[in-house]
Structures are given as structure tokens and as C-alpha cells.
N, C-alpha and C. Protein backbone atom coordinates (compact mmCIF):
# COMPACT_ATOMS: atom_id res chain seq x y z
N MET A 1 133.99 38.45 90.91
CA MET A 1 134.71 38.42 92.02
C MET A 1 136.51 39.25 91.70
N SER A 2 136.85 38.52 90.55
CA SER A 2 137.93 39.31 90.29
C SER A 2 137.97 40.74 89.91
N ARG A 3 136.70 41.28 89.59
CA ARG A 3 136.72 42.49 89.45
C ARG A 3 137.08 43.19 90.78
N THR A 4 136.52 43.01 91.92
CA THR A 4 136.27 43.62 93.16
C THR A 4 138.02 43.14 93.80
N ARG A 5 138.33 42.32 93.29
CA ARG A 5 139.85 42.00 93.86
C ARG A 5 140.64 43.20 92.77
N PHE A 6 140.72 43.23 91.45
CA PHE A 6 141.25 43.89 90.91
C PHE A 6 141.44 45.22 91.57
N ILE A 7 140.17 45.99 91.93
CA ILE A 7 139.81 47.14 92.19
C ILE A 7 140.18 47.52 93.70
N LEU A 8 140.66 46.37 94.59
CA LEU A 8 141.22 46.28 96.06
C LEU A 8 142.82 46.41 96.07
N VAL A 9 143.10 45.54 94.88
CA VAL A 9 144.73 45.76 94.52
C VAL A 9 145.29 47.04 93.80
N LEU A 10 143.93 47.73 93.18
CA LEU A 10 144.80 48.87 92.60
C LEU A 10 144.95 50.01 93.84
N ILE A 11 143.52 49.86 94.59
CA ILE A 11 143.46 50.73 95.76
C ILE A 11 144.29 50.61 96.68
N ALA A 12 145.29 49.32 97.00
CA ALA A 12 146.11 49.33 98.17
C ALA A 12 147.67 49.69 97.47
N CYS A 13 147.76 49.49 96.04
CA CYS A 13 149.00 49.91 95.48
C CYS A 13 148.78 51.42 95.24
N GLY A 14 148.09 52.09 95.19
CA GLY A 14 147.43 53.72 95.53
C GLY A 14 148.08 54.22 96.58
N LEU A 15 147.46 53.48 97.90
CA LEU A 15 147.82 53.98 99.11
C LEU A 15 149.48 53.63 99.15
N LEU A 16 150.00 52.54 98.93
CA LEU A 16 151.59 52.44 99.45
C LEU A 16 152.13 53.12 98.65
N ALA A 17 151.42 53.72 97.07
CA ALA A 17 152.22 54.95 96.61
C ALA A 17 152.27 56.27 97.08
N THR A 18 151.12 56.35 97.54
CA THR A 18 150.79 57.82 98.38
C THR A 18 152.11 57.82 99.91
N LEU A 19 152.05 56.79 100.26
CA LEU A 19 152.69 56.63 101.79
C LEU A 19 154.46 56.64 101.53
N PHE A 20 154.84 56.16 100.70
CA PHE A 20 156.20 56.25 100.06
C PHE A 20 156.51 57.42 99.57
N ALA A 21 155.41 58.21 99.06
CA ALA A 21 155.98 59.56 97.86
C ALA A 21 155.80 60.48 99.83
N VAL A 22 154.86 60.12 100.63
CA VAL A 22 154.93 60.87 101.62
C VAL A 22 156.18 60.84 102.66
N PHE A 23 156.23 59.55 102.95
CA PHE A 23 157.21 59.03 103.86
C PHE A 23 158.66 58.51 103.72
N HIS A 24 159.15 59.23 102.67
CA HIS A 24 160.32 58.70 102.27
C HIS A 24 161.49 58.91 102.78
N PRO A 25 162.59 57.73 102.98
CA PRO A 25 163.81 58.13 103.83
C PRO A 25 164.46 59.29 103.87
N ALA A 26 164.32 59.69 105.42
CA ALA A 26 165.04 61.26 105.51
C ALA A 26 166.50 61.47 104.74
N ALA A 27 167.41 60.44 104.57
CA ALA A 27 168.45 59.81 103.65
C ALA A 27 168.58 60.62 102.49
N GLU A 28 167.40 60.65 101.74
CA GLU A 28 167.14 61.17 100.54
C GLU A 28 166.93 62.88 100.44
N GLU A 29 166.56 63.03 101.48
CA GLU A 29 166.64 64.55 101.58
C GLU A 29 167.68 65.28 102.19
N VAL A 30 168.68 64.56 102.80
CA VAL A 30 169.88 65.58 103.07
C VAL A 30 171.08 65.17 101.61
N GLU A 31 171.23 66.49 101.57
CA GLU A 31 172.69 66.46 100.46
C GLU A 31 173.98 65.68 101.10
N GLU A 32 174.59 65.17 100.37
CA GLU A 32 176.01 64.45 100.52
C GLU A 32 176.73 65.84 100.87
N GLY A 33 176.99 66.89 100.14
CA GLY A 33 178.10 67.86 100.26
C GLY A 33 177.32 68.98 99.61
N GLU A 34 177.35 70.29 100.48
CA GLU A 34 176.79 71.47 99.98
C GLU A 34 177.83 72.15 99.26
N PRO A 35 177.48 72.38 97.73
CA PRO A 35 178.25 72.61 96.69
C PRO A 35 178.94 74.04 97.46
N SER A 36 179.66 73.96 96.82
CA SER A 36 180.70 75.49 97.31
C SER A 36 179.94 76.97 96.57
N ASN A 37 179.24 77.74 96.97
CA ASN A 37 179.28 78.86 95.93
C ASN A 37 180.16 79.99 95.89
N VAL A 38 181.37 79.55 96.24
CA VAL A 38 182.22 80.38 96.62
C VAL A 38 183.38 79.96 95.20
N SER A 39 183.72 81.08 94.53
CA SER A 39 184.99 80.23 93.47
C SER A 39 186.49 80.24 94.39
N GLU A 40 187.40 79.23 93.37
CA GLU A 40 188.62 79.55 94.23
C GLU A 40 189.42 81.16 93.98
N SER A 41 188.79 81.30 93.11
CA SER A 41 189.32 83.12 92.53
C SER A 41 188.95 84.22 93.65
N GLU A 42 187.35 83.99 93.87
CA GLU A 42 186.90 84.68 95.06
C GLU A 42 187.41 84.59 96.60
N LEU A 43 187.69 82.97 97.15
CA LEU A 43 188.41 82.83 97.91
C LEU A 43 189.66 83.49 98.29
N LYS A 44 190.58 83.77 97.23
CA LYS A 44 191.83 84.12 97.29
C LYS A 44 191.68 85.94 97.39
N LEU A 45 190.48 86.36 96.64
CA LEU A 45 190.14 87.59 96.54
C LEU A 45 190.28 88.40 98.02
N TYR A 46 189.28 87.50 98.59
CA TYR A 46 188.81 87.53 100.01
C TYR A 46 190.29 87.47 101.27
N ILE A 47 191.10 86.53 100.61
CA ILE A 47 192.21 86.24 101.64
C ILE A 47 193.20 87.27 101.12
N GLY A 48 193.36 88.03 100.45
CA GLY A 48 194.23 88.82 99.60
C GLY A 48 193.95 90.38 100.34
N VAL A 49 192.74 90.60 100.70
CA VAL A 49 192.00 91.63 101.02
C VAL A 49 192.23 91.49 102.83
N TYR A 50 192.08 90.37 103.35
CA TYR A 50 192.36 90.51 104.60
C TYR A 50 193.82 90.47 105.11
N THR A 51 194.33 89.95 104.21
CA THR A 51 196.23 89.51 104.31
C THR A 51 196.72 91.32 104.11
N ALA A 52 196.28 91.91 103.25
CA ALA A 52 196.67 93.64 103.12
C ALA A 52 196.36 94.19 104.51
N MET A 53 195.16 93.82 105.02
CA MET A 53 194.99 94.95 106.11
C MET A 53 195.87 94.16 107.44
N GLN A 54 196.11 92.91 107.44
CA GLN A 54 196.71 92.19 108.33
C GLN A 54 198.04 93.36 108.29
N ASP A 55 198.88 93.48 107.05
CA ASP A 55 200.05 93.86 106.55
C ASP A 55 200.18 95.69 107.01
N ASP A 56 198.95 95.98 106.97
CA ASP A 56 199.14 97.42 106.96
C ASP A 56 197.87 97.51 108.12
N HIS A 57 198.04 97.74 109.35
CA HIS A 57 196.97 97.98 110.21
C HIS A 57 196.10 99.42 110.15
N ASP A 58 196.60 100.41 109.32
CA ASP A 58 195.90 101.78 109.16
C ASP A 58 194.96 101.45 107.69
N LEU A 59 194.98 100.59 107.07
CA LEU A 59 194.07 100.49 105.74
C LEU A 59 192.77 99.92 106.36
N VAL A 60 191.94 100.67 105.61
CA VAL A 60 190.51 100.49 106.00
C VAL A 60 190.13 99.02 104.75
N ILE A 61 188.80 98.78 104.80
CA ILE A 61 188.26 97.99 104.11
C ILE A 61 187.89 98.59 102.35
N ASP A 62 187.34 99.61 102.67
CA ASP A 62 187.38 100.14 101.23
C ASP A 62 188.44 100.73 100.61
N SER A 63 189.80 100.87 101.21
CA SER A 63 191.06 101.13 100.33
C SER A 63 191.74 99.69 99.86
N ALA A 64 191.46 98.51 100.89
CA ALA A 64 192.09 96.90 100.41
C ALA A 64 191.06 96.34 99.18
N ILE A 65 189.65 96.94 99.19
CA ILE A 65 189.27 96.10 98.14
C ILE A 65 189.02 97.16 96.84
N LYS A 66 189.76 98.13 96.88
CA LYS A 66 189.81 99.01 95.56
C LYS A 66 190.77 98.36 94.81
N PRO A 67 191.83 97.75 94.68
CA PRO A 67 192.47 97.11 93.78
C PRO A 67 191.61 96.03 93.05
N TYR A 68 190.86 95.36 93.69
CA TYR A 68 189.48 94.43 93.23
C TYR A 68 188.79 94.96 92.44
N HIS A 69 188.62 96.47 92.35
CA HIS A 69 187.36 97.13 91.85
C HIS A 69 186.02 96.04 92.32
N MET A 70 186.04 96.28 93.35
CA MET A 70 184.66 95.54 93.77
C MET A 70 184.13 96.60 95.24
N SER A 71 182.64 96.27 94.89
CA SER A 71 182.24 97.87 95.84
C SER A 71 182.05 96.96 97.48
N LEU A 72 181.95 97.96 98.22
CA LEU A 72 181.73 97.19 99.98
C LEU A 72 180.65 96.45 99.93
N GLU A 73 179.46 96.42 99.25
CA GLU A 73 178.60 95.84 99.29
C GLU A 73 178.75 94.15 98.72
N ASP A 74 179.47 94.06 97.74
CA ASP A 74 179.76 93.03 97.00
C ASP A 74 180.42 92.09 97.93
N PHE A 75 181.48 92.83 98.41
CA PHE A 75 182.58 92.36 99.20
C PHE A 75 181.86 91.54 100.46
N ARG A 76 180.88 92.19 101.29
CA ARG A 76 180.04 92.22 102.36
C ARG A 76 179.39 90.65 101.97
N GLN A 77 178.91 90.83 100.60
CA GLN A 77 178.24 89.29 100.48
C GLN A 77 178.87 88.50 99.96
N LEU A 78 179.95 88.62 99.37
CA LEU A 78 181.06 87.36 99.62
C LEU A 78 181.49 86.60 100.80
N GLU A 79 181.77 87.77 101.79
CA GLU A 79 182.20 87.40 103.12
C GLU A 79 181.01 86.50 104.10
N GLN A 80 180.02 86.79 103.61
CA GLN A 80 178.45 86.26 104.28
C GLN A 80 178.60 84.56 103.81
N ARG A 81 178.94 84.49 102.18
CA ARG A 81 178.83 83.26 101.67
C ARG A 81 179.87 82.26 102.28
N ILE A 82 181.55 82.80 102.34
CA ILE A 82 182.02 82.33 103.22
C ILE A 82 182.28 81.68 104.24
N GLN A 83 181.85 82.82 105.36
CA GLN A 83 181.20 82.59 106.67
C GLN A 83 180.33 81.50 106.64
N SER A 84 179.60 81.14 105.64
CA SER A 84 178.34 79.95 105.81
C SER A 84 179.09 78.90 106.06
N GLN A 85 180.23 78.60 105.40
CA GLN A 85 180.58 77.66 105.17
C GLN A 85 181.96 76.96 105.75
N PRO A 86 181.90 76.59 107.18
CA PRO A 86 182.88 76.22 108.02
C PRO A 86 184.61 76.20 107.65
N ARG A 87 184.38 75.22 106.76
CA ARG A 87 185.32 74.63 105.53
C ARG A 87 186.12 75.56 105.31
N LEU A 88 185.42 76.83 104.73
CA LEU A 88 186.18 78.02 103.84
C LEU A 88 186.77 78.34 105.01
N VAL A 89 186.08 79.19 106.18
CA VAL A 89 186.43 79.81 107.25
C VAL A 89 187.80 79.28 107.65
N GLU A 90 187.68 77.89 107.77
CA GLU A 90 189.16 77.56 108.26
C GLU A 90 190.04 77.34 107.06
N ARG A 91 189.70 77.75 106.27
CA ARG A 91 190.90 77.68 105.24
C ARG A 91 191.19 79.39 105.21
N VAL A 92 190.57 80.20 104.99
CA VAL A 92 190.90 81.77 105.33
C VAL A 92 191.81 81.65 106.52
N ARG A 93 191.07 80.90 107.88
CA ARG A 93 191.95 81.24 108.98
C ARG A 93 193.66 80.78 108.97
N GLU A 94 193.79 79.68 108.17
CA GLU A 94 194.81 79.00 107.95
C GLU A 94 196.01 79.75 107.06
N ALA A 95 195.09 80.48 106.13
CA ALA A 95 195.93 81.24 104.96
C ALA A 95 196.76 82.48 105.79
N LEU A 96 195.92 82.72 106.63
CA LEU A 96 196.22 84.25 107.41
C LEU A 96 197.28 83.95 108.19
N LEU A 97 197.06 83.03 108.94
CA LEU A 97 197.99 82.44 110.08
C LEU A 97 199.34 81.96 109.34
N GLU A 98 199.54 81.71 108.06
CA GLU A 98 200.70 81.29 107.35
C GLU A 98 201.16 82.29 107.13
N ASP A 99 200.75 83.51 106.41
CA ASP A 99 201.04 84.89 105.88
C ASP A 99 201.82 85.21 107.17
N ARG A 100 201.27 85.58 108.90
CA ARG A 100 201.68 86.06 109.42
C ARG A 100 203.09 85.40 110.05
N ARG A 101 202.86 83.78 109.96
CA ARG A 101 203.96 83.45 110.62
C ARG A 101 205.42 83.58 109.29
N THR A 102 204.80 84.00 107.93
CA THR A 102 206.39 83.77 106.91
C THR A 102 206.55 85.53 107.20
N HIS A 103 205.89 86.56 107.65
CA HIS A 103 206.00 87.92 107.50
C HIS A 103 206.18 87.98 108.96
N SER A 104 206.47 87.09 109.97
CA SER A 104 206.74 87.73 111.52
C SER A 104 208.18 87.51 111.58
N ILE A 105 208.79 88.61 112.71
CA ILE A 105 209.94 88.97 112.90
C ILE A 105 210.73 87.60 113.51
N PHE A 106 209.59 87.21 114.43
CA PHE A 106 210.13 86.14 115.15
C PHE A 106 209.89 84.75 114.23
N ALA A 107 209.90 84.85 113.11
CA ALA A 107 209.63 83.44 112.20
C ALA A 107 210.99 82.59 112.23
N GLY A 108 211.93 83.21 112.67
CA GLY A 108 213.62 82.30 112.31
C GLY A 108 213.62 81.84 113.49
N SER A 109 212.87 82.20 114.82
CA SER A 109 213.37 81.89 115.81
C SER A 109 211.94 81.20 116.70
N ALA A 110 211.26 80.65 115.58
CA ALA A 110 209.91 80.07 116.09
C ALA A 110 210.24 78.81 116.91
N ALA A 111 211.43 78.28 116.66
CA ALA A 111 211.63 77.10 117.38
C ALA A 111 211.71 77.28 118.42
N THR A 112 211.52 76.41 120.05
CA THR A 112 211.76 76.58 121.19
C THR A 112 213.24 76.00 121.54
N PRO A 113 213.95 76.91 121.96
CA PRO A 113 215.33 76.51 122.09
C PRO A 113 215.47 75.97 123.43
N THR A 114 216.03 74.40 123.40
CA THR A 114 216.14 73.66 124.17
C THR A 114 217.38 73.92 125.07
N PRO A 115 217.74 73.54 126.12
CA PRO A 115 219.07 73.62 126.72
C PRO A 115 219.75 72.84 126.89
N ALA A 116 220.79 72.79 126.81
CA ALA A 116 222.14 71.70 126.23
C ALA A 116 221.79 70.85 128.07
N ILE A 117 221.80 69.24 127.69
CA ILE A 117 221.96 68.70 128.84
C ILE A 117 223.27 67.96 128.62
N THR A 118 223.81 68.16 129.79
CA THR A 118 224.90 67.51 129.82
C THR A 118 225.00 65.93 130.47
N PRO A 119 225.44 65.05 130.00
CA PRO A 119 225.39 63.71 130.57
C PRO A 119 225.94 63.71 132.02
N PRO A 120 225.42 62.89 133.06
CA PRO A 120 225.75 62.80 134.17
C PRO A 120 227.64 62.52 134.39
N ALA A 121 227.96 61.64 133.19
CA ALA A 121 229.35 61.13 133.33
C ALA A 121 230.37 62.63 133.20
N LEU A 122 229.72 63.69 132.53
CA LEU A 122 230.60 64.69 132.23
C LEU A 122 230.47 65.85 133.05
N LYS A 123 229.90 65.64 134.03
CA LYS A 123 229.06 66.54 135.08
C LYS A 123 230.07 66.91 135.94
N LYS A 124 231.02 68.03 136.47
CA LYS A 124 232.13 68.16 137.30
C LYS A 124 231.14 68.25 138.68
N THR A 125 231.49 67.19 139.22
CA THR A 125 230.84 67.45 140.86
C THR A 125 232.00 68.20 141.45
N PRO A 126 231.41 68.98 142.79
CA PRO A 126 231.83 69.61 143.17
C PRO A 126 233.28 69.02 144.12
N GLN A 127 234.28 69.31 144.86
CA GLN A 127 235.59 68.68 145.42
C GLN A 127 235.26 69.14 146.65
N PRO A 128 235.30 68.89 147.94
CA PRO A 128 235.17 69.24 149.32
C PRO A 128 236.21 70.23 149.40
N LYS A 129 235.87 71.07 149.50
CA LYS A 129 237.22 71.85 150.62
C LYS A 129 237.52 71.22 151.82
N SER A 130 239.00 71.20 151.69
CA SER A 130 239.04 70.85 152.88
C SER A 130 239.73 71.96 153.96
N LYS A 131 239.71 71.72 155.14
CA LYS A 131 240.07 73.06 155.87
C LYS A 131 241.35 73.53 156.02
N ALA A 132 242.48 72.28 155.87
CA ALA A 132 243.98 72.64 155.89
C ALA A 132 244.29 72.96 155.10
N PRO A 133 245.48 74.06 155.17
CA PRO A 133 246.01 74.59 154.08
C PRO A 133 247.28 73.45 153.30
N SER A 134 246.59 73.69 151.98
CA SER A 134 247.51 72.52 151.23
C SER A 134 248.82 73.13 151.07
N ARG A 135 249.90 71.89 150.87
CA ARG A 135 251.07 72.10 151.13
C ARG A 135 251.58 71.87 149.45
N LYS A 136 252.23 72.77 148.93
CA LYS A 136 252.84 72.41 147.89
C LYS A 136 254.26 71.97 148.03
N PRO A 137 254.62 71.03 147.24
CA PRO A 137 255.90 70.66 147.24
C PRO A 137 257.25 71.97 146.56
N LYS A 138 258.08 72.02 147.19
CA LYS A 138 259.04 72.69 146.39
C LYS A 138 259.93 72.22 146.13
């Protein structure tokens, strides 16, 4: 009888192991954070290209990437890798906006002017005009 128990226990363990292997928790399948496949220098290069194109609207992409010795195909692949990560897209957007703010002719006047508010005690209230001519003493 002990041999039969041993075989049943062995089969039960095998079934549990199979179930565990097939139906493991979903939390194990999800990665904590997707590792960035874009280096910091590549991100700066990408921002630099678009900053140059923002500064000179006549500049085409081929001319903008020429100083970086990069082919258009390589640049487009970098662009796809950046655009696949919302966190990096936001960093690029913020960098380009900051560049515009610093180079804007309106940068000095970015603050909205507020009208001067005169306290009620200092406001002059109009005096009612009298209809009778005023007499000045001589």
C-alpha cells in the first residue's frame, strides 16, 4: 500500500508543478520598467537636430543631421525608439519648449502685467459740480 501512496503523491506533485508552471501569476510576466534603449547622448543628438530645425525653419532634416554624421535611416530609427517611450517624448517636448522660451523675443515679457490697484482710500471721488458760479473773495 505504501508504494501506491508514493506513486499517488508523486503524480499529485507532478500535477501541481505543471499547474504552477502553466498558470503562474501575471505579475511575474510584467516587467517593472522598460529599460531605455536610447542613450542619453542619442537623446541629446535628437533634441539638437530638432532644436536646429526650430532655429532655422529653412533647414531640412538631411542638413540638420549632417553635423552628427548620421544617415537619415539611422535618425528615423532613433526617432522611432524615442517615440515608443512616452517618457522620452515628454523630455524632448520639454527641452524644445524650454529652448523656445529662452530664444523668444517675448521671453523678457513672459510675465503678464497686472494693473495697478489703487486702494479705495486713495481714489479720488469726483466732486459734484455746483450750478451756481463760484465766487472768489477779492
